[in-house]
């Protein structure tokens, strides 16, 4: 199901596609840590980021909207380190892949 807006209170699994061609898989299930996995675009000039293709714990995120950049605050490997912000390029598609167990959207 295509969405226009995603808030931290919306549960399920979501694919976020950005204008750069990168895709992010956001998993936001009740009672589970929120994770974000970045799948970079496969173009030759695409710059890899640390932890590409690996789920990274999300501390929190701003409302994600189609047509705007998205901001996620991530927990670095060392819990003693300060959180890291990841800001995407403009979101062009937001798809609800899977609803949380027992819930509908």
PDB file of N, CA and C in Angstrom:
ATOM      1  N   UNK A   1       0.842  -1.173   0.000  1.00  0.00           N
ATOM      2  CA  UNK A   1       0.000   0.000   0.000  1.00  0.00           C
ATOM      3  C   UNK A   1       0.892   1.242   0.000  1.00  0.00           C
ATOM      4  N   UNK A   2       0.696   2.133  -0.939  1.00  0.00           N
ATOM      5  CA  UNK A   2       1.461   3.379  -0.998  1.00  0.00           C
ATOM      6  C   UNK A   2       0.932   4.371   0.031  1.00  0.00           C
ATOM      7  N   UNK A   3       1.846   5.040   0.698  1.00  0.00           N
ATOM      8  CA  UNK A   3       1.511   6.048   1.691  1.00  0.00           C
ATOM      9  C   UNK A   3       2.090   7.391   1.267  1.00  0.00           C
ATOM     10  N   UNK A   4       1.607   8.449   1.855  1.00  0.00           N
ATOM     11  CA  UNK A   4       2.173   9.786   1.652  1.00  0.00           C
ATOM     12  C   UNK A   4       2.944  10.228   2.898  1.00  0.00           C
ATOM     13  N   UNK A   5       2.549   9.685   4.086  1.00  0.00           N
ATOM     14  CA  UNK A   5       3.133  10.092   5.363  1.00  0.00           C
ATOM     15  C   UNK A   5       3.331   8.857   6.235  1.00  0.00           C
ATOM     16  N   UNK A   6       4.447   8.829   6.961  1.00  0.00           N
ATOM     17  CA  UNK A   6       4.748   7.759   7.911  1.00  0.00           C
ATOM     18  C   UNK A   6       5.192   8.397   9.218  1.00  0.00           C
ATOM     19  N   UNK A   7       4.519   8.051  10.308  1.00  0.00           N
ATOM     20  CA  UNK A   7       4.910   8.564  11.630  1.00  0.00           C
ATOM     21  C   UNK A   7       5.502   7.432  12.459  1.00  0.00           C
ATOM     22  N   UNK A   8       6.137   7.793  13.561  1.00  0.00           N
ATOM     23  CA  UNK A   8       6.742   6.781  14.428  1.00  0.00           C
ATOM     24  C   UNK A   8       5.694   5.876  15.065  1.00  0.00           C
ATOM     25  N   UNK A   9       4.434   6.300  15.087  1.00  0.00           N
ATOM     26  CA  UNK A   9       3.366   5.486  15.651  1.00  0.00           C
ATOM     27  C   UNK A   9       2.769   4.481  14.692  1.00  0.00           C
ATOM     28  N   UNK A  10       3.165   4.529  13.417  1.00  0.00           N
ATOM     29  CA  UNK A  10       2.653   3.594  12.416  1.00  0.00           C
ATOM     30  C   UNK A  10       3.507   2.331  12.459  1.00  0.00           C
ATOM     31  N   UNK A  11       2.877   1.197  12.714  1.00  0.00           N
ATOM     32  CA  UNK A  11       3.602  -0.069  12.867  1.00  0.00           C
ATOM     33  C   UNK A  11       3.612  -0.862  11.566  1.00  0.00           C
ATOM     34  N   UNK A  12       4.694  -1.613  11.363  1.00  0.00           N
ATOM     35  CA  UNK A  12       4.812  -2.477  10.208  1.00  0.00           C
ATOM     36  C   UNK A  12       6.189  -2.362   9.575  1.00  0.00           C
ATOM     37  N   UNK A  13       6.284  -2.829   8.344  1.00  0.00           N
ATOM     38  CA  UNK A  13       7.518  -2.781   7.568  1.00  0.00           C
ATOM     39  C   UNK A  13       7.270  -1.894   6.350  1.00  0.00           C
ATOM     40  N   UNK A  14       8.211  -0.989   6.093  1.00  0.00           N
ATOM     41  CA  UNK A  14       8.026   0.025   5.055  1.00  0.00           C
ATOM     42  C   UNK A  14       9.261   0.108   4.161  1.00  0.00           C
ATOM     43  N   UNK A  15       9.026   0.320   2.860  1.00  0.00           N
ATOM     44  CA  UNK A  15      10.116   0.595   1.915  1.00  0.00           C
ATOM     45  C   UNK A  15      10.039   2.070   1.557  1.00  0.00           C
ATOM     46  N   UNK A  16      11.140   2.759   1.801  1.00  0.00           N
ATOM     47  CA  UNK A  16      11.245   4.188   1.511  1.00  0.00           C
ATOM     48  C   UNK A  16      12.225   4.336   0.354  1.00  0.00           C
ATOM     49  N   UNK A  17      11.770   4.886  -0.764  1.00  0.00           N
ATOM     50  CA  UNK A  17      12.633   5.077  -1.932  1.00  0.00           C
ATOM     51  C   UNK A  17      12.905   6.567  -2.082  1.00  0.00           C
ATOM     52  N   UNK A  18      14.169   6.904  -2.341  1.00  0.00           N
ATOM     53  CA  UNK A  18      14.554   8.307  -2.463  1.00  0.00           C
ATOM     54  C   UNK A  18      14.922   8.654  -3.901  1.00  0.00           C
ATOM     55  N   UNK A  19      15.011   9.943  -4.174  1.00  0.00           N
ATOM     56  CA  UNK A  19      15.306  10.432  -5.512  1.00  0.00           C
ATOM     57  C   UNK A  19      16.671   9.933  -6.010  1.00  0.00           C
ATOM     58  N   UNK A  20      17.589   9.639  -5.102  1.00  0.00           N
ATOM     59  CA  UNK A  20      18.912   9.134  -5.505  1.00  0.00           C
ATOM     60  C   UNK A  20      18.848   7.683  -5.966  1.00  0.00           C
ATOM     61  N   UNK A  21      17.705   7.021  -5.713  1.00  0.00           N
ATOM     62  CA  UNK A  21      17.562   5.614  -6.078  1.00  0.00           C
ATOM     63  C   UNK A  21      17.808   4.676  -4.914  1.00  0.00           C
ATOM     64  N   UNK A  22      18.291   5.202  -3.794  1.00  0.00           N
ATOM     65  CA  UNK A  22      18.485   4.355  -2.616  1.00  0.00           C
ATOM     66  C   UNK A  22      17.136   3.962  -2.045  1.00  0.00           C
ATOM     67  N   UNK A  23      17.118   2.786  -1.439  1.00  0.00           N
ATOM     68  CA  UNK A  23      15.922   2.321  -0.747  1.00  0.00           C
ATOM     69  C   UNK A  23      16.286   2.050   0.701  1.00  0.00           C
ATOM     70  N   UNK A  24      15.329   2.304   1.567  1.00  0.00           N
ATOM     71  CA  UNK A  24      15.493   2.047   2.998  1.00  0.00           C
ATOM     72  C   UNK A  24      14.365   1.134   3.427  1.00  0.00           C
ATOM     73  N   UNK A  25      14.686   0.122   4.212  1.00  0.00           N
ATOM     74  CA  UNK A  25      13.685  -0.753   4.781  1.00  0.00           C
ATOM     75  C   UNK A  25      13.571  -0.394   6.260  1.00  0.00           C
ATOM     76  N   UNK A  26      12.419   0.126   6.658  1.00  0.00           N
ATOM     77  CA  UNK A  26      12.171   0.522   8.040  1.00  0.00           C
ATOM     78  C   UNK A  26      11.237  -0.501   8.664  1.00  0.00           C
ATOM     79  N   UNK A  27      11.672  -1.109   9.764  1.00  0.00           N
ATOM     80  CA  UNK A  27      10.854  -2.075  10.491  1.00  0.00           C
ATOM     81  C   UNK A  27      10.505  -1.454  11.831  1.00  0.00           C
ATOM     82  N   UNK A  28       9.189  -1.254  12.051  1.00  0.00           N
ATOM     83  CA  UNK A  28       8.699  -0.575  13.248  1.00  0.00           C
ATOM     84  C   UNK A  28       7.572  -1.418  13.854  1.00  0.00           C
ATOM     85  N   UNK A  29       7.954  -2.431  14.629  1.00  0.00           N
ATOM     86  CA  UNK A  29       7.000  -3.361  15.237  1.00  0.00           C
ATOM     87  C   UNK A  29       6.844  -3.057  16.722  1.00  0.00           C
ATOM     88  N   UNK A  30       5.629  -3.208  17.228  1.00  0.00           N
ATOM     89  CA  UNK A  30       5.332  -2.990  18.643  1.00  0.00           C
ATOM     90  C   UNK A  30       6.218  -3.878  19.513  1.00  0.00           C
ATOM     91  N   UNK A  31       6.869  -3.271  20.508  1.00  0.00           N
ATOM     92  CA  UNK A  31       7.677  -4.032  21.453  1.00  0.00           C
ATOM     93  C   UNK A  31       9.031  -4.480  20.931  1.00  0.00           C
ATOM     94  N   UNK A  32       9.396  -4.083  19.720  1.00  0.00           N
ATOM     95  CA  UNK A  32      10.677  -4.461  19.113  1.00  0.00           C
ATOM     96  C   UNK A  32      11.473  -3.204  18.799  1.00  0.00           C
ATOM     97  N   UNK A  33      12.815  -3.311  18.809  1.00  0.00           N
ATOM     98  CA  UNK A  33      13.602  -2.146  18.398  1.00  0.00           C
ATOM     99  C   UNK A  33      13.311  -1.789  16.938  1.00  0.00           C
ATOM    100  N   UNK A  34      13.218  -0.509  16.649  1.00  0.00           N
ATOM    101  CA  UNK A  34      13.027  -0.038  15.277  1.00  0.00           C
ATOM    102  C   UNK A  34      14.369  -0.156  14.560  1.00  0.00           C
ATOM    103  N   UNK A  35      14.358  -0.671  13.333  1.00  0.00           N
ATOM    104  CA  UNK A  35      15.598  -0.776  12.559  1.00  0.00           C
ATOM    105  C   UNK A  35      15.421  -0.158  11.174  1.00  0.00           C
ATOM    106  N   UNK A  36      16.554   0.284  10.622  1.00  0.00           N
ATOM    107  CA  UNK A  36      16.598   0.868   9.289  1.00  0.00           C
ATOM    108  C   UNK A  36      17.729   0.208   8.517  1.00  0.00           C
ATOM    109  N   UNK A  37      17.418  -0.295   7.325  1.00  0.00           N
ATOM    110  CA  UNK A  37      18.426  -0.910   6.467  1.00  0.00           C
ATOM    111  C   UNK A  37      18.470  -0.128   5.166  1.00  0.00           C
ATOM    112  N   UNK A  38      19.642   0.365   4.793  1.00  0.00           N
ATOM    113  CA  UNK A  38      19.799   1.117   3.540  1.00  0.00           C
ATOM    114  C   UNK A  38      20.318   0.189   2.456  1.00  0.00           C
ATOM    115  N   UNK A  39      19.629   0.193   1.315  1.00  0.00           N
ATOM    116  CA  UNK A  39      20.079  -0.527   0.128  1.00  0.00           C
ATOM    117  C   UNK A  39      20.430   0.539  -0.901  1.00  0.00           C
ATOM    118  N   UNK A  40      21.724   0.786  -1.126  1.00  0.00           N
ATOM    119  CA  UNK A  40      22.102   1.867  -2.040  1.00  0.00           C
ATOM    120  C   UNK A  40      21.765   1.521  -3.483  1.00  0.00           C
ATOM    121  N   UNK A  41      21.631   2.580  -4.277  1.00  0.00           N
ATOM    122  CA  UNK A  41      21.410   2.425  -5.716  1.00  0.00           C
ATOM    123  C   UNK A  41      22.660   1.792  -6.306  1.00  0.00           C
ATOM    124  N   UNK A  42      22.507   0.975  -7.310  1.00  0.00           N
ATOM    125  CA  UNK A  42      23.640   0.240  -7.894  1.00  0.00           C
ATOM    126  C   UNK A  42      24.350   0.994  -9.013  1.00  0.00           C
ATOM    127  N   UNK A  43      24.218   2.304  -9.061  1.00  0.00           N
ATOM    128  CA  UNK A  43      24.911   3.061 -10.109  1.00  0.00           C
ATOM    129  C   UNK A  43      26.402   3.192  -9.739  1.00  0.00           C
ATOM    130  N   UNK A  44      27.275   3.354 -10.730  1.00  0.00           N
ATOM    131  CA  UNK A  44      28.721   3.384 -10.490  1.00  0.00           C
ATOM    132  C   UNK A  44      29.181   4.504  -9.552  1.00  0.00           C
ATOM    133  N   UNK A  45      28.500   5.650  -9.566  1.00  0.00           N
ATOM    134  CA  UNK A  45      28.949   6.773  -8.742  1.00  0.00           C
ATOM    135  C   UNK A  45      28.277   6.800  -7.361  1.00  0.00           C
ATOM    136  N   UNK A  46      27.498   5.757  -7.029  1.00  0.00           N
ATOM    137  CA  UNK A  46      26.819   5.707  -5.730  1.00  0.00           C
ATOM    138  C   UNK A  46      27.865   5.543  -4.626  1.00  0.00           C
ATOM    139  N   UNK A  47      27.784   6.416  -3.635  1.00  0.00           N
ATOM    140  CA  UNK A  47      28.738   6.375  -2.528  1.00  0.00           C
ATOM    141  C   UNK A  47      28.203   5.481  -1.411  1.00  0.00           C
ATOM    142  N   UNK A  48      28.983   4.450  -1.033  1.00  0.00           N
ATOM    143  CA  UNK A  48      28.526   3.584   0.057  1.00  0.00           C
ATOM    144  C   UNK A  48      28.586   4.324   1.394  1.00  0.00           C
ATOM    145  N   UNK A  49      27.668   3.965   2.286  1.00  0.00           N
ATOM    146  CA  UNK A  49      27.656   4.518   3.627  1.00  0.00           C
ATOM    147  C   UNK A  49      27.935   3.394   4.622  1.00  0.00           C
ATOM    148  N   UNK A  50      28.463   3.749   5.801  1.00  0.00           N
ATOM    149  CA  UNK A  50      28.693   2.708   6.805  1.00  0.00           C
ATOM    150  C   UNK A  50      27.396   1.946   7.093  1.00  0.00           C
ATOM    151  N   UNK A  51      27.511   0.657   7.221  1.00  0.00           N
ATOM    152  CA  UNK A  51      26.392  -0.233   7.571  1.00  0.00           C
ATOM    153  C   UNK A  51      25.366  -0.406   6.453  1.00  0.00           C
ATOM    154  N   UNK A  52      25.734  -0.092   5.198  1.00  0.00           N
ATOM    155  CA  UNK A  52      24.818  -0.376   4.101  1.00  0.00           C
ATOM    156  C   UNK A  52      24.433  -1.852   4.145  1.00  0.00           C
ATOM    157  N   UNK A  53      23.176  -2.125   3.867  1.00  0.00           N
ATOM    158  CA  UNK A  53      22.611  -3.478   3.805  1.00  0.00           C
ATOM    159  C   UNK A  53      22.573  -4.177   5.167  1.00  0.00           C
ATOM    160  N   UNK A  54      22.789  -3.454   6.243  1.00  0.00           N
ATOM    161  CA  UNK A  54      22.703  -4.018   7.588  1.00  0.00           C
ATOM    162  C   UNK A  54      21.647  -3.267   8.389  1.00  0.00           C
ATOM    163  N   UNK A  55      20.795  -3.981   9.138  1.00  0.00           N
ATOM    164  CA  UNK A  55      19.824  -3.283   9.982  1.00  0.00           C
ATOM    165  C   UNK A  55      20.545  -2.500  11.080  1.00  0.00           C
ATOM    166  N   UNK A  56      20.193  -1.244  11.223  1.00  0.00           N
ATOM    167  CA  UNK A  56      20.805  -0.364  12.223  1.00  0.00           C
ATOM    168  C   UNK A  56      19.696   0.093  13.177  1.00  0.00           C
ATOM    169  N   UNK A  57      19.938   0.056  14.495  1.00  0.00           N
ATOM    170  CA  UNK A  57      18.919   0.507  15.438  1.00  0.00           C
ATOM    171  C   UNK A  57      18.607   1.997  15.266  1.00  0.00           C
ATOM    172  N   UNK A  58      17.313   2.305  15.259  1.00  0.00           N
ATOM    173  CA  UNK A  58      16.839   3.682  15.136  1.00  0.00           C
ATOM    174  C   UNK A  58      16.405   4.162  16.520  1.00  0.00           C
ATOM    175  N   UNK A  59      16.965   5.287  16.954  1.00  0.00           N
ATOM    176  CA  UNK A  59      16.551   5.871  18.226  1.00  0.00           C
ATOM    177  C   UNK A  59      15.204   6.546  18.051  1.00  0.00           C
ATOM    178  N   UNK A  60      15.077   7.345  17.011  1.00  0.00           N
ATOM    179  CA  UNK A  60      13.806   7.958  16.642  1.00  0.00           C
ATOM    180  C   UNK A  60      13.920   8.525  15.233  1.00  0.00           C
ATOM    181  N   UNK A  61      12.773   8.947  14.698  1.00  0.00           N
ATOM    182  CA  UNK A  61      12.774   9.556  13.368  1.00  0.00           C
ATOM    183  C   UNK A  61      11.648  10.555  13.275  1.00  0.00           C
ATOM    184  N   UNK A  62      11.887  11.550  12.427  1.00  0.00           N
ATOM    185  CA  UNK A  62      10.869  12.555  12.157  1.00  0.00           C
ATOM    186  C   UNK A  62       9.825  11.935  11.231  1.00  0.00           C
ATOM    187  N   UNK A  63       8.667  12.548  11.148  1.00  0.00           N
ATOM    188  CA  UNK A  63       7.643  12.094  10.219  1.00  0.00           C
ATOM    189  C   UNK A  63       8.246  12.061   8.810  1.00  0.00           C
ATOM    190  N   UNK A  64       8.038  10.945   8.124  1.00  0.00           N
ATOM    191  CA  UNK A  64       8.543  10.772   6.764  1.00  0.00           C
ATOM    192  C   UNK A  64       7.409  11.144   5.808  1.00  0.00           C
ATOM    193  N   UNK A  65       7.719  12.034   4.860  1.00  0.00           N
ATOM    194  CA  UNK A  65       6.718  12.484   3.894  1.00  0.00           C
ATOM    195  C   UNK A  65       7.269  12.381   2.473  1.00  0.00           C
ATOM    196  N   UNK A  66       6.437  11.909   1.564  1.00  0.00           N
ATOM    197  CA  UNK A  66       6.805  11.914   0.149  1.00  0.00           C
ATOM    198  C   UNK A  66       7.004  13.375  -0.256  1.00  0.00           C
ATOM    199  N   UNK A  67       8.098  13.645  -0.971  1.00  0.00           N
ATOM    200  CA  UNK A  67       8.398  14.998  -1.421  1.00  0.00           C
ATOM    201  C   UNK A  67       9.344  15.751  -0.500  1.00  0.00           C
ATOM    202  N   UNK A  68       9.749  15.115   0.619  1.00  0.00           N
ATOM    203  CA  UNK A  68      10.666  15.754   1.566  1.00  0.00           C
ATOM    204  C   UNK A  68      11.806  14.796   1.917  1.00  0.00           C
ATOM    205  N   UNK A  69      12.895  15.346   2.435  1.00  0.00           N
ATOM    206  CA  UNK A  69      13.970  14.512   2.973  1.00  0.00           C
ATOM    207  C   UNK A  69      13.473  13.855   4.256  1.00  0.00           C
ATOM    208  N   UNK A  70      14.052  12.717   4.606  1.00  0.00           N
ATOM    209  CA  UNK A  70      13.707  12.040   5.854  1.00  0.00           C
ATOM    210  C   UNK A  70      14.929  12.059   6.767  1.00  0.00           C
ATOM    211  N   UNK A  71      14.687  12.212   8.066  1.00  0.00           N
ATOM    212  CA  UNK A  71      15.772  12.236   9.046  1.00  0.00           C
ATOM    213  C   UNK A  71      15.566  11.126  10.064  1.00  0.00           C
ATOM    214  N   UNK A  72      16.609  10.315  10.237  1.00  0.00           N
ATOM    215  CA  UNK A  72      16.608   9.223  11.210  1.00  0.00           C
ATOM    216  C   UNK A  72      17.776   9.419  12.169  1.00  0.00           C
ATOM    217  N   UNK A  73      17.551   9.232  13.463  1.00  0.00           N
ATOM    218  CA  UNK A  73      18.628   9.261  14.445  1.00  0.00           C
ATOM    219  C   UNK A  73      18.971   7.815  14.777  1.00  0.00           C
ATOM    220  N   UNK A  74      20.221   7.446  14.484  1.00  0.00           N
ATOM    221  CA  UNK A  74      20.668   6.061  14.587  1.00  0.00           C
ATOM    222  C   UNK A  74      21.605   5.874  15.775  1.00  0.00           C
ATOM    223  N   UNK A  75      21.564   4.674  16.354  1.00  0.00           N
ATOM    224  CA  UNK A  75      22.466   4.334  17.448  1.00  0.00           C
ATOM    225  C   UNK A  75      23.731   3.726  16.863  1.00  0.00           C
ATOM    226  N   UNK A  76      24.886   4.356  17.083  1.00  0.00           N
ATOM    227  CA  UNK A  76      26.131   3.779  16.583  1.00  0.00           C
ATOM    228  C   UNK A  76      26.448   2.472  17.314  1.00  0.00           C
ATOM    229  N   UNK A  77      27.407   1.711  16.765  1.00  0.00           N
ATOM    230  CA  UNK A  77      27.790   0.437  17.383  1.00  0.00           C
ATOM    231  C   UNK A  77      28.167   0.609  18.842  1.00  0.00           C
ATOM    232  N   UNK A  78      28.963   1.602  19.128  1.00  0.00           N
ATOM    233  CA  UNK A  78      29.365   1.865  20.502  1.00  0.00           C
ATOM    234  C   UNK A  78      28.268   2.680  21.163  1.00  0.00           C
ATOM    235  N   UNK A  79      27.605   2.097  22.120  1.00  0.00           N
ATOM    236  CA  UNK A  79      26.505   2.788  22.796  1.00  0.00           C
ATOM    237  C   UNK A  79      26.990   4.029  23.535  1.00  0.00           C
ATOM    238  N   UNK A  80      28.298   4.144  23.745  1.00  0.00           N
ATOM    239  CA  UNK A  80      28.848   5.326  24.402  1.00  0.00           C
ATOM    240  C   UNK A  80      28.963   6.493  23.431  1.00  0.00           C
ATOM    241  N   UNK A  81      28.894   6.186  22.132  1.00  0.00           N
ATOM    242  CA  UNK A  81      28.970   7.232  21.116  1.00  0.00           C
ATOM    243  C   UNK A  81      27.650   7.974  21.039  1.00  0.00           C
ATOM    244  N   UNK A  82      27.723   9.203  20.571  1.00  0.00           N
ATOM    245  CA  UNK A  82      26.512   9.999  20.386  1.00  0.00           C
ATOM    246  C   UNK A  82      25.729   9.457  19.192  1.00  0.00           C
ATOM    247  N   UNK A  83      24.402   9.606  19.215  1.00  0.00           N
ATOM    248  CA  UNK A  83      23.599   9.182  18.064  1.00  0.00           C
ATOM    249  C   UNK A  83      24.039   9.888  16.786  1.00  0.00           C
ATOM    250  N   UNK A  84      23.819   9.227  15.675  1.00  0.00           N
ATOM    251  CA  UNK A  84      24.179   9.742  14.364  1.00  0.00           C
ATOM    252  C   UNK A  84      22.888  10.031  13.596  1.00  0.00           C
ATOM    253  N   UNK A  85      22.817  11.178  12.945  1.00  0.00           N
ATOM    254  CA  UNK A  85      21.650  11.491  12.105  1.00  0.00           C
ATOM    255  C   UNK A  85      21.941  11.087  10.674  1.00  0.00           C
ATOM    256  N   UNK A  86      20.975  10.418  10.063  1.00  0.00           N
ATOM    257  CA  UNK A  86      21.067  10.114   8.640  1.00  0.00           C
ATOM    258  C   UNK A  86      19.921  10.835   7.956  1.00  0.00           C
ATOM    259  N   UNK A  87      20.270  11.700   7.021  1.00  0.00           N
ATOM    260  CA  UNK A  87      19.273  12.467   6.273  1.00  0.00           C
ATOM    261  C   UNK A  87      19.287  11.951   4.844  1.00  0.00           C
ATOM    262  N   UNK A  88      18.131  11.543   4.367  1.00  0.00           N
ATOM    263  CA  UNK A  88      18.033  10.999   3.018  1.00  0.00           C
ATOM    264  C   UNK A  88      17.876  12.123   1.999  1.00  0.00           C
ATOM    265  N   UNK A  89      17.985  11.759   0.736  1.00  0.00           N
ATOM    266  CA  UNK A  89      17.552  12.680  -0.307  1.00  0.00           C
ATOM    267  C   UNK A  89      16.018  12.654  -0.307  1.00  0.00           C
ATOM    268  N   UNK A  90      15.394  13.407  -1.169  1.00  0.00           N
ATOM    269  CA  UNK A  90      13.936  13.522  -1.196  1.00  0.00           C
ATOM    270  C   UNK A  90      13.268  12.150  -1.369  1.00  0.00           C
ATOM    271  N   UNK A  91      12.287  11.888  -0.540  1.00  0.00           N
ATOM    272  CA  UNK A  91      11.519  10.639  -0.613  1.00  0.00           C
ATOM    273  C   UNK A  91      10.563  10.720  -1.802  1.00  0.00           C
ATOM    274  N   UNK A  92      10.618   9.720  -2.684  1.00  0.00           N
ATOM    275  CA  UNK A  92       9.743   9.697  -3.857  1.00  0.00           C
ATOM    276  C   UNK A  92       8.665   8.625  -3.750  1.00  0.00           C
ATOM    277  N   UNK A  93       8.884   7.634  -2.879  1.00  0.00           N
ATOM    278  CA  UNK A  93       7.878   6.588  -2.707  1.00  0.00           C
ATOM    279  C   UNK A  93       7.970   6.029  -1.302  1.00  0.00           C
ATOM    280  N   UNK A  94       6.813   5.759  -0.730  1.00  0.00           N
ATOM    281  CA  UNK A  94       6.705   5.225   0.622  1.00  0.00           C
ATOM    282  C   UNK A  94       5.679   4.100   0.571  1.00  0.00           C
ATOM    283  N   UNK A  95       6.136   2.853   0.760  1.00  0.00           N
ATOM    284  CA  UNK A  95       5.268   1.695   0.602  1.00  0.00           C
ATOM    285  C   UNK A  95       5.192   0.917   1.908  1.00  0.00           C
ATOM    286  N   UNK A  96       3.969   0.650   2.355  1.00  0.00           N
ATOM    287  CA  UNK A  96       3.733  -0.201   3.516  1.00  0.00           C
ATOM    288  C   UNK A  96       3.762  -1.637   3.012  1.00  0.00           C
ATOM    289  N   UNK A  97       4.853  -2.349   3.307  1.00  0.00           N
ATOM    290  CA  UNK A  97       5.039  -3.705   2.790  1.00  0.00           C
ATOM    291  C   UNK A  97       4.233  -4.711   3.593  1.00  0.00           C
ATOM    292  N   UNK A  98       4.275  -4.547   4.913  1.00  0.00           N
ATOM    293  CA  UNK A  98       3.658  -5.542   5.774  1.00  0.00           C
ATOM    294  C   UNK A  98       3.133  -4.867   7.035  1.00  0.00           C
ATOM    295  N   UNK A  99       1.902  -5.144   7.368  1.00  0.00           N
ATOM    296  CA  UNK A  99       1.326  -4.618   8.603  1.00  0.00           C
ATOM    297  C   UNK A  99       1.847  -5.427   9.780  1.00  0.00           C
ATOM    298  N   UNK A 100       1.943  -4.788  10.926  1.00  0.00           N
ATOM    299  CA  UNK A 100       2.340  -5.477  12.138  1.00  0.00           C
ATOM    300  C   UNK A 100       1.326  -6.583  12.422  1.00  0.00           C
ATOM    301  N   UNK A 101       1.795  -7.649  13.048  1.00  0.00           N
ATOM    302  CA  UNK A 101       0.934  -8.809  13.339  1.00  0.00           C
ATOM    303  C   UNK A 101      -0.313  -8.365  14.101  1.00  0.00           C
ATOM    304  N   UNK A 102      -1.466  -8.780  13.609  1.00  0.00           N
ATOM    305  CA  UNK A 102      -2.714  -8.485  14.284  1.00  0.00           C
ATOM    306  C   UNK A 102      -3.225  -7.077  14.099  1.00  0.00           C
ATOM    307  N   UNK A 103      -2.571  -6.283  13.246  1.00  0.00           N
ATOM    308  CA  UNK A 103      -3.007  -4.888  13.046  1.00  0.00           C
ATOM    309  C   UNK A 103      -3.253  -4.649  11.575  1.00  0.00           C
ATOM    310  N   UNK A 104      -4.084  -3.691  11.315  1.00  0.00           N
ATOM    311  CA  UNK A 104      -4.300  -3.244   9.942  1.00  0.00           C
ATOM    312  C   UNK A 104      -4.069  -1.755   9.897  1.00  0.00           C
ATOM    313  N   UNK A 105      -3.802  -1.241   8.718  1.00  0.00           N
ATOM    314  CA  UNK A 105      -3.597   0.205   8.588  1.00  0.00           C
ATOM    315  C   UNK A 105      -4.685   0.807   7.752  1.00  0.00           C
TER     316      UNK A 105
END
